[in-house]
Every structure is written in C-alpha cells, then in structure tokens.
Amino acid sequence: MPWPLVNVILALAMAYLLLRMGAMILGSFARPVPAPPDPGELRKVRLTYRCSICSTEVRMTMANDEVPEPPRHCQEDMELVTPVDDI
C-alpha cells in the first residue's frame, strides 16, 4: 500500500528539481552582456596567427596587451606568424 504514495512523492520531488534546474539554466542566458572596456584599454596591434593543424590564419587588430596570448583553434594554440620586428 505505501509504495504508490512513495513513488508519487519521489516523482514530484524529481519534477521539482528538474524544473528548478531548467529555470536556473534559462536564467543564466538572460544575464546582460558585460559593458565593453573603456576605449583607452585596448590598443591597436597587427598580429597574424596560423593554426598548425588546419592552416587557418587570423589577424588580430585590437588587444589589451602588447603581445596577447594566442587564440585557440582546433583545440591548440595558434602560432604567431608576424615577424618579431613588426611587433
């Protein structure tokens, strides 16, 4: 006799947990995009990177560092192609 009641209570608890978790995930998408940094924080650069796996090239024109970390492509860091004298 008590098993159907336990099953119903357990099902209601699981439904509540799934509903709360889904609401939290959807709520995380509704957060506003952070404000862009002040114009003085970014500097103009002219760096070219190449992926060693697929040979995709990327040119970076703005960065927050003089020599920023290389972007990632194909799950690996890209190689800096720009000559050192041009940095």
C-alpha atoms as a PDB file:
ATOM      1  CA  MET A   1       0.000   0.000   0.000  1.00  0.00           C
ATOM      2  CA  PRO A   2       2.614   2.671   0.822  1.00  0.00           C
ATOM      3  CA  TRP A   3       4.679   2.146  -2.362  1.00  0.00           C
ATOM      4  CA  PRO A   4       2.411   4.103  -4.744  1.00  0.00           C
ATOM      5  CA  LEU A   5       2.482   7.052  -2.332  1.00  0.00           C
ATOM      6  CA  VAL A   6       6.304   6.935  -2.143  1.00  0.00           C
ATOM      7  CA  ASN A   7       6.526   6.751  -5.939  1.00  0.00           C
ATOM      8  CA  VAL A   8       4.281   9.806  -6.319  1.00  0.00           C
ATOM      9  CA  ILE A   9       6.261  11.808  -3.758  1.00  0.00           C
ATOM     10  CA  LEU A  10       9.539  10.808  -5.401  1.00  0.00           C
ATOM     11  CA  ALA A  11       8.211  11.720  -8.861  1.00  0.00           C
ATOM     12  CA  LEU A  12       7.021  15.119  -7.629  1.00  0.00           C
ATOM     13  CA  ALA A  13      10.403  15.814  -5.985  1.00  0.00           C
ATOM     14  CA  MET A  14      12.281  14.898  -9.177  1.00  0.00           C
ATOM     15  CA  ALA A  15       9.929  17.019 -11.305  1.00  0.00           C
ATOM     16  CA  TYR A  16      10.501  19.974  -8.971  1.00  0.00           C
ATOM     17  CA  LEU A  17      14.297  19.538  -9.144  1.00  0.00           C
ATOM     18  CA  LEU A  18      14.264  19.318 -12.948  1.00  0.00           C
ATOM     19  CA  LEU A  19      12.036  22.377 -13.199  1.00  0.00           C
ATOM     20  CA  ARG A  20      14.312  24.401 -10.864  1.00  0.00           C
ATOM     21  CA  MET A  21      17.439  23.315 -12.730  1.00  0.00           C
ATOM     22  CA  GLY A  22      15.899  24.230 -16.095  1.00  0.00           C
ATOM     23  CA  ALA A  23      14.821  27.628 -14.777  1.00  0.00           C
ATOM     24  CA  MET A  24      18.344  28.305 -13.470  1.00  0.00           C
ATOM     25  CA  ILE A  25      19.896  27.384 -16.828  1.00  0.00           C
ATOM     26  CA  LEU A  26      17.477  29.594 -18.743  1.00  0.00           C
ATOM     27  CA  GLY A  27      18.037  32.400 -16.229  1.00  0.00           C
ATOM     28  CA  SER A  28      21.771  32.281 -16.875  1.00  0.00           C
ATOM     29  CA  PHE A  29      21.123  33.064 -20.553  1.00  0.00           C
ATOM     30  CA  ALA A  30      19.114  36.172 -19.594  1.00  0.00           C
ATOM     31  CA  ARG A  31      22.062  37.938 -17.912  1.00  0.00           C
ATOM     32  CA  PRO A  32      23.108  41.115 -19.715  1.00  0.00           C
ATOM     33  CA  VAL A  33      26.293  41.254 -21.774  1.00  0.00           C
ATOM     34  CA  PRO A  34      29.101  42.965 -19.837  1.00  0.00           C
ATOM     35  CA  ALA A  35      29.894  46.536 -20.820  1.00  0.00           C
ATOM     36  CA  PRO A  36      32.737  46.940 -23.312  1.00  0.00           C
ATOM     37  CA  PRO A  37      36.045  48.132 -21.863  1.00  0.00           C
ATOM     38  CA  ASP A  38      36.965  51.803 -21.971  1.00  0.00           C
ATOM     39  CA  PRO A  39      38.430  52.902 -25.328  1.00  0.00           C
ATOM     40  CA  GLY A  40      41.828  53.569 -23.737  1.00  0.00           C
ATOM     41  CA  GLU A  41      42.185  49.980 -22.514  1.00  0.00           C
ATOM     42  CA  LEU A  42      42.541  48.376 -25.941  1.00  0.00           C
ATOM     43  CA  ARG A  43      45.447  49.104 -28.210  1.00  0.00           C
ATOM     44  CA  LYS A  44      45.850  48.603 -31.914  1.00  0.00           C
ATOM     45  CA  VAL A  45      48.014  45.665 -32.925  1.00  0.00           C
ATOM     46  CA  ARG A  46      48.686  43.942 -36.202  1.00  0.00           C
ATOM     47  CA  LEU A  47      49.396  40.307 -35.407  1.00  0.00           C
ATOM     48  CA  THR A  48      48.803  37.310 -37.642  1.00  0.00           C
ATOM     49  CA  TYR A  49      48.356  33.810 -36.235  1.00  0.00           C
ATOM     50  CA  ARG A  50      48.212  30.467 -38.059  1.00  0.00           C
ATOM     51  CA  CYS A  51      46.744  27.165 -36.915  1.00  0.00           C
ATOM     52  CA  SER A  52      49.376  24.436 -37.187  1.00  0.00           C
ATOM     53  CA  ILE A  53      46.717  21.771 -37.801  1.00  0.00           C
ATOM     54  CA  CYS A  54      44.438  23.235 -40.477  1.00  0.00           C
ATOM     55  CA  SER A  55      46.438  26.323 -41.614  1.00  0.00           C
ATOM     56  CA  THR A  56      43.664  28.789 -40.805  1.00  0.00           C
ATOM     57  CA  GLU A  57      45.035  32.320 -40.429  1.00  0.00           C
ATOM     58  CA  VAL A  58      43.674  35.025 -38.130  1.00  0.00           C
ATOM     59  CA  ARG A  59      44.697  38.687 -37.976  1.00  0.00           C
ATOM     60  CA  MET A  60      44.317  40.372 -34.596  1.00  0.00           C
ATOM     61  CA  THR A  61      43.810  44.126 -34.825  1.00  0.00           C
ATOM     62  CA  MET A  62      42.905  45.087 -31.228  1.00  0.00           C
ATOM     63  CA  ALA A  63      44.262  43.663 -27.982  1.00  0.00           C
ATOM     64  CA  ASN A  64      44.531  44.575 -24.326  1.00  0.00           C
ATOM     65  CA  ASP A  65      48.214  43.574 -24.194  1.00  0.00           C
ATOM     66  CA  GLU A  66      51.231  44.357 -26.352  1.00  0.00           C
ATOM     67  CA  VAL A  67      51.709  40.653 -27.062  1.00  0.00           C
ATOM     68  CA  PRO A  68      48.436  38.907 -26.133  1.00  0.00           C
ATOM     69  CA  GLU A  69      48.017  35.179 -25.647  1.00  0.00           C
ATOM     70  CA  PRO A  70      47.483  33.394 -28.954  1.00  0.00           C
ATOM     71  CA  PRO A  71      43.934  32.434 -29.888  1.00  0.00           C
ATOM     72  CA  ARG A  72      42.950  28.761 -29.898  1.00  0.00           C
ATOM     73  CA  HIS A  73      41.848  26.854 -32.973  1.00  0.00           C
ATOM     74  CA  CYS A  74      41.396  23.086 -33.416  1.00  0.00           C
ATOM     75  CA  GLN A  75      41.882  22.828 -29.614  1.00  0.00           C
ATOM     76  CA  GLU A  76      45.504  24.081 -29.920  1.00  0.00           C
ATOM     77  CA  ASP A  77      47.180  27.488 -29.531  1.00  0.00           C
ATOM     78  CA  MET A  78      47.812  29.189 -32.863  1.00  0.00           C
ATOM     79  CA  GLU A  79      51.374  30.086 -33.907  1.00  0.00           C
ATOM     80  CA  LEU A  80      52.461  33.696 -34.310  1.00  0.00           C
ATOM     81  CA  VAL A  81      53.329  34.326 -37.982  1.00  0.00           C
ATOM     82  CA  THR A  82      54.037  38.079 -37.772  1.00  0.00           C
ATOM     83  CA  PRO A  83      57.793  38.768 -37.825  1.00  0.00           C
ATOM     84  CA  VAL A  84      59.215  39.764 -34.433  1.00  0.00           C
ATOM     85  CA  ASP A  85      60.497  43.081 -35.870  1.00  0.00           C
ATOM     86  CA  ASP A  86      56.910  44.164 -36.663  1.00  0.00           C
ATOM     87  CA  ILE A  87      55.629  43.728 -33.105  1.00  0.00           C
END
